N, C-alpha and C. Protein backbone atom coordinates (compact mmCIF):
# COMPACT_ATOMS: atom_id res chain seq x y z
N MET A 1 20.75 -21.98 -8.25
CA MET A 1 19.94 -20.93 -7.66
C MET A 1 18.60 -20.90 -8.39
N ASP A 2 17.52 -20.97 -7.63
CA ASP A 2 16.20 -20.97 -8.26
C ASP A 2 15.73 -19.54 -8.52
N ASP A 3 14.65 -19.43 -9.28
CA ASP A 3 14.11 -18.13 -9.67
C ASP A 3 13.70 -17.29 -8.46
N ARG A 4 13.16 -17.95 -7.46
CA ARG A 4 12.70 -17.23 -6.26
C ARG A 4 13.86 -16.55 -5.53
N GLN A 5 14.95 -17.29 -5.33
CA GLN A 5 16.10 -16.70 -4.64
C GLN A 5 16.74 -15.62 -5.50
N PHE A 6 16.80 -15.84 -6.80
CA PHE A 6 17.37 -14.84 -7.70
C PHE A 6 16.60 -13.52 -7.59
N ALA A 7 15.28 -13.61 -7.58
CA ALA A 7 14.43 -12.41 -7.46
C ALA A 7 14.58 -11.76 -6.09
N ALA A 8 14.68 -12.58 -5.04
CA ALA A 8 14.84 -12.04 -3.68
C ALA A 8 16.16 -11.28 -3.54
N ILE A 9 17.21 -11.80 -4.15
CA ILE A 9 18.50 -11.12 -4.10
C ILE A 9 18.43 -9.80 -4.87
N ALA A 10 17.84 -9.83 -6.05
CA ALA A 10 17.71 -8.60 -6.85
C ALA A 10 16.94 -7.54 -6.06
N LYS A 11 15.87 -7.94 -5.42
CA LYS A 11 15.06 -7.00 -4.64
C LYS A 11 15.86 -6.46 -3.45
N ALA A 12 16.58 -7.34 -2.77
CA ALA A 12 17.38 -6.90 -1.62
C ALA A 12 18.46 -5.92 -2.04
N LEU A 13 19.11 -6.17 -3.15
CA LEU A 13 20.20 -5.31 -3.61
C LEU A 13 19.70 -3.99 -4.21
N ALA A 14 18.43 -3.92 -4.55
CA ALA A 14 17.87 -2.70 -5.15
C ALA A 14 17.74 -1.57 -4.15
N ASP A 15 17.70 -1.90 -2.87
CA ASP A 15 17.58 -0.87 -1.83
C ASP A 15 18.97 -0.33 -1.48
N PRO A 16 19.21 0.97 -1.63
CA PRO A 16 20.55 1.53 -1.37
C PRO A 16 21.04 1.28 0.06
N ARG A 17 20.16 1.35 1.03
CA ARG A 17 20.59 1.13 2.42
C ARG A 17 21.00 -0.33 2.62
N ARG A 18 20.25 -1.26 2.05
CA ARG A 18 20.62 -2.68 2.16
C ARG A 18 21.93 -2.95 1.46
N TYR A 19 22.11 -2.33 0.30
CA TYR A 19 23.37 -2.50 -0.42
C TYR A 19 24.54 -1.99 0.43
N GLY A 20 24.35 -0.86 1.09
CA GLY A 20 25.39 -0.32 1.97
C GLY A 20 25.69 -1.24 3.13
N ILE A 21 24.66 -1.79 3.73
CA ILE A 21 24.84 -2.73 4.84
C ILE A 21 25.59 -3.96 4.35
N LEU A 22 25.19 -4.51 3.20
CA LEU A 22 25.85 -5.69 2.66
C LEU A 22 27.32 -5.40 2.34
N SER A 23 27.60 -4.23 1.81
CA SER A 23 28.98 -3.85 1.49
C SER A 23 29.84 -3.82 2.75
N GLU A 24 29.30 -3.28 3.82
CA GLU A 24 30.05 -3.25 5.08
C GLU A 24 30.32 -4.65 5.62
N ILE A 25 29.30 -5.49 5.55
CA ILE A 25 29.46 -6.87 6.04
C ILE A 25 30.51 -7.59 5.21
N ALA A 26 30.47 -7.40 3.89
CA ALA A 26 31.42 -8.06 2.99
C ALA A 26 32.85 -7.57 3.22
N ALA A 27 33.01 -6.31 3.59
CA ALA A 27 34.35 -5.74 3.79
C ALA A 27 34.98 -6.17 5.11
N ALA A 28 34.18 -6.65 6.04
CA ALA A 28 34.70 -7.04 7.35
C ALA A 28 35.45 -8.37 7.25
N ALA A 29 36.60 -8.44 7.93
CA ALA A 29 37.39 -9.67 7.92
C ALA A 29 36.72 -10.78 8.72
N ASP A 30 36.01 -10.41 9.75
CA ASP A 30 35.31 -11.36 10.63
C ASP A 30 33.84 -11.01 10.65
N PRO A 31 33.00 -11.91 11.20
CA PRO A 31 31.59 -11.54 11.33
C PRO A 31 31.44 -10.19 12.04
N LEU A 32 30.55 -9.38 11.52
CA LEU A 32 30.38 -8.01 12.00
C LEU A 32 29.22 -7.94 12.99
N PRO A 33 29.48 -7.39 14.19
CA PRO A 33 28.36 -7.20 15.13
C PRO A 33 27.38 -6.17 14.56
N CYS A 34 26.10 -6.37 14.80
CA CYS A 34 25.08 -5.43 14.31
C CYS A 34 25.40 -4.01 14.73
N CYS A 35 25.88 -3.84 15.94
CA CYS A 35 26.15 -2.50 16.45
C CYS A 35 27.32 -1.85 15.72
N GLY A 36 28.07 -2.61 14.93
CA GLY A 36 29.20 -2.08 14.20
C GLY A 36 28.86 -1.55 12.82
N LEU A 37 27.59 -1.61 12.43
CA LEU A 37 27.19 -1.14 11.11
C LEU A 37 27.22 0.38 11.04
N GLN A 38 28.03 0.92 10.15
CA GLN A 38 28.08 2.37 9.94
C GLN A 38 26.98 2.82 8.99
N ALA A 39 26.58 1.96 8.05
CA ALA A 39 25.56 2.31 7.06
C ALA A 39 24.20 2.54 7.72
N ALA A 40 24.06 2.05 8.95
CA ALA A 40 22.79 2.21 9.65
C ALA A 40 22.48 3.67 9.90
N GLY A 41 23.51 4.46 10.16
CA GLY A 41 23.32 5.89 10.38
C GLY A 41 22.30 6.17 11.46
N ALA A 42 21.47 7.13 11.22
CA ALA A 42 20.46 7.53 12.21
C ALA A 42 19.13 6.85 11.90
N VAL A 43 19.16 5.53 11.85
CA VAL A 43 17.98 4.75 11.53
C VAL A 43 17.59 3.94 12.77
N SER A 44 16.32 3.74 12.94
CA SER A 44 15.85 3.00 14.12
C SER A 44 16.30 1.55 14.07
N ALA A 45 16.36 0.94 15.24
CA ALA A 45 16.74 -0.47 15.34
C ALA A 45 15.77 -1.35 14.57
N ALA A 46 14.50 -0.98 14.57
CA ALA A 46 13.50 -1.76 13.85
C ALA A 46 13.77 -1.73 12.34
N THR A 47 14.18 -0.58 11.83
CA THR A 47 14.47 -0.46 10.40
C THR A 47 15.70 -1.29 10.04
N ILE A 48 16.74 -1.23 10.87
CA ILE A 48 17.94 -2.04 10.64
C ILE A 48 17.57 -3.52 10.67
N SER A 49 16.77 -3.90 11.64
CA SER A 49 16.34 -5.29 11.75
C SER A 49 15.60 -5.73 10.49
N HIS A 50 14.77 -4.87 9.96
CA HIS A 50 14.03 -5.16 8.73
C HIS A 50 14.99 -5.40 7.56
N HIS A 51 15.99 -4.55 7.41
CA HIS A 51 16.95 -4.69 6.32
C HIS A 51 17.80 -5.94 6.48
N ILE A 52 18.22 -6.22 7.69
CA ILE A 52 19.02 -7.42 7.95
C ILE A 52 18.20 -8.67 7.65
N LYS A 53 16.94 -8.67 8.03
CA LYS A 53 16.07 -9.82 7.76
C LYS A 53 15.92 -10.03 6.25
N ALA A 54 15.78 -8.95 5.49
CA ALA A 54 15.66 -9.08 4.03
C ALA A 54 16.94 -9.66 3.43
N LEU A 55 18.10 -9.23 3.91
CA LEU A 55 19.38 -9.75 3.41
C LEU A 55 19.54 -11.22 3.80
N GLU A 56 19.12 -11.56 5.00
CA GLU A 56 19.21 -12.95 5.46
C GLU A 56 18.26 -13.84 4.66
N THR A 57 17.03 -13.39 4.46
CA THR A 57 16.03 -14.16 3.71
C THR A 57 16.48 -14.40 2.27
N ALA A 58 17.15 -13.41 1.69
CA ALA A 58 17.66 -13.55 0.33
C ALA A 58 18.88 -14.48 0.27
N GLY A 59 19.44 -14.82 1.42
CA GLY A 59 20.60 -15.71 1.45
C GLY A 59 21.93 -15.01 1.30
N LEU A 60 21.93 -13.67 1.42
CA LEU A 60 23.15 -12.90 1.23
C LEU A 60 24.03 -12.84 2.47
N ILE A 61 23.42 -13.02 3.64
CA ILE A 61 24.18 -12.97 4.88
C ILE A 61 23.73 -14.09 5.81
N THR A 62 24.58 -14.39 6.77
CA THR A 62 24.21 -15.27 7.88
C THR A 62 24.09 -14.41 9.12
N VAL A 63 23.21 -14.79 10.00
CA VAL A 63 23.03 -14.08 11.25
C VAL A 63 23.16 -15.09 12.38
N VAL A 64 24.17 -14.87 13.23
CA VAL A 64 24.36 -15.73 14.39
C VAL A 64 24.00 -14.91 15.61
N ARG A 65 22.99 -15.37 16.32
CA ARG A 65 22.49 -14.61 17.47
C ARG A 65 23.12 -15.11 18.76
N HIS A 66 23.45 -14.14 19.60
CA HIS A 66 23.99 -14.39 20.94
C HIS A 66 23.13 -13.58 21.90
N GLY A 67 22.03 -14.16 22.33
CA GLY A 67 21.10 -13.41 23.17
C GLY A 67 20.50 -12.26 22.38
N ARG A 68 20.67 -11.05 22.88
CA ARG A 68 20.13 -9.86 22.20
C ARG A 68 21.05 -9.35 21.08
N PHE A 69 22.22 -9.91 20.99
CA PHE A 69 23.20 -9.45 20.01
C PHE A 69 23.29 -10.40 18.82
N ALA A 70 23.78 -9.89 17.72
CA ALA A 70 23.90 -10.71 16.51
C ALA A 70 25.19 -10.36 15.77
N GLU A 71 25.76 -11.38 15.15
CA GLU A 71 26.93 -11.20 14.28
C GLU A 71 26.50 -11.52 12.87
N LEU A 72 26.93 -10.68 11.94
CA LEU A 72 26.52 -10.79 10.55
C LEU A 72 27.68 -11.26 9.69
N GLY A 73 27.45 -12.30 8.90
CA GLY A 73 28.49 -12.83 8.03
C GLY A 73 28.07 -12.76 6.57
N PHE A 74 29.02 -12.53 5.70
CA PHE A 74 28.78 -12.40 4.26
C PHE A 74 28.81 -13.78 3.61
N ARG A 75 27.85 -14.08 2.77
CA ARG A 75 27.79 -15.36 2.06
C ARG A 75 28.28 -15.14 0.63
N ARG A 76 29.57 -15.16 0.49
CA ARG A 76 30.23 -14.88 -0.79
C ARG A 76 29.77 -15.84 -1.89
N ALA A 77 29.62 -17.11 -1.57
CA ALA A 77 29.23 -18.09 -2.59
C ALA A 77 27.85 -17.76 -3.19
N THR A 78 26.95 -17.26 -2.37
CA THR A 78 25.62 -16.89 -2.86
C THR A 78 25.72 -15.71 -3.81
N VAL A 79 26.52 -14.73 -3.45
CA VAL A 79 26.68 -13.54 -4.31
C VAL A 79 27.36 -13.94 -5.62
N GLU A 80 28.34 -14.82 -5.55
CA GLU A 80 29.01 -15.28 -6.77
C GLU A 80 28.04 -16.04 -7.68
N ALA A 81 27.19 -16.88 -7.10
CA ALA A 81 26.20 -17.62 -7.90
C ALA A 81 25.20 -16.65 -8.53
N TYR A 82 24.80 -15.63 -7.78
CA TYR A 82 23.87 -14.63 -8.31
C TYR A 82 24.51 -13.88 -9.48
N MET A 83 25.75 -13.45 -9.30
CA MET A 83 26.44 -12.71 -10.36
C MET A 83 26.63 -13.57 -11.61
N LYS A 84 26.92 -14.84 -11.42
CA LYS A 84 27.08 -15.75 -12.55
C LYS A 84 25.76 -15.87 -13.32
N ARG A 85 24.67 -16.08 -12.60
CA ARG A 85 23.38 -16.22 -13.26
C ARG A 85 22.97 -14.91 -13.94
N LEU A 86 23.23 -13.79 -13.30
CA LEU A 86 22.91 -12.50 -13.88
C LEU A 86 23.69 -12.30 -15.19
N ALA A 87 24.98 -12.61 -15.17
CA ALA A 87 25.80 -12.46 -16.37
C ALA A 87 25.30 -13.37 -17.48
N GLU A 88 24.93 -14.61 -17.14
CA GLU A 88 24.44 -15.54 -18.15
C GLU A 88 23.13 -15.06 -18.75
N SER A 89 22.30 -14.44 -17.93
CA SER A 89 21.00 -14.00 -18.44
C SER A 89 21.12 -12.76 -19.32
N LEU A 90 22.19 -12.01 -19.17
CA LEU A 90 22.37 -10.78 -19.95
C LEU A 90 23.22 -10.97 -21.21
N MET A 91 23.94 -12.07 -21.27
CA MET A 91 24.81 -12.32 -22.41
C MET A 91 23.99 -12.85 -23.59
N PRO A 92 24.22 -12.33 -24.78
CA PRO A 92 23.50 -12.86 -25.95
C PRO A 92 23.93 -14.29 -26.25
N ARG A 93 22.97 -15.08 -26.63
CA ARG A 93 23.27 -16.48 -26.97
C ARG A 93 23.68 -16.56 -28.42
N ALA A 94 24.68 -17.39 -28.67
CA ALA A 94 25.18 -17.54 -30.04
C ALA A 94 24.37 -18.53 -30.83
């Protein structure tokens, strides 16, 4: 994972609404339709689209489009790589 992606993930996870959206996607057994997001609450479609784009750009989710609809998938390997790098950067070196 390069520095750019690491920073993009940190920025994406810093937003509470994005974190909530990512948590819902991760908890789903199958790809989650956009309309199934509960974390979206009373937010405009444009705002949801903005958050989804940020998560996709950071590499945290996949988005498969079917016409006007989209299914959101969690990229577990990316999150695991991010967590590993974060832990390594915070651990004191011997």
